[in-house]
């Protein structure tokens, strides 16, 4: 696909990856944990995605995301500024992996990458 209007391809990809990423080794770990916890987790669906840094109390401030990196990950915001990249203006979707992270009812999954 073409980059978002006004953004370079690397800037566009960086914005996309901020909220939609997970390392392959973390996905494999999640699947192995699910297999070890059978049959307790049989039939359940778990989202394996890197934590977003968002909190439930942030929901009223979304989809505007201009504040997100500046407040929660200032080093990332500084790296964007150094590269002359624009921070994302919106968070189109959020993947909630809290069920997979849950030790007792979920997988006890902890992404490392």
Foldseek 3Di string as FASTA:
>chain_A
DDADPPFDPVLRVVQVCLAFDADPVLVVVLVVLVVVPPPLCPPPDADDGDDNQDDPVCVVVFQQCQCPCVPRPVVVVVVCVVVVHHHDGGDPDHHDRVQCCDPPRHRVGDGDD
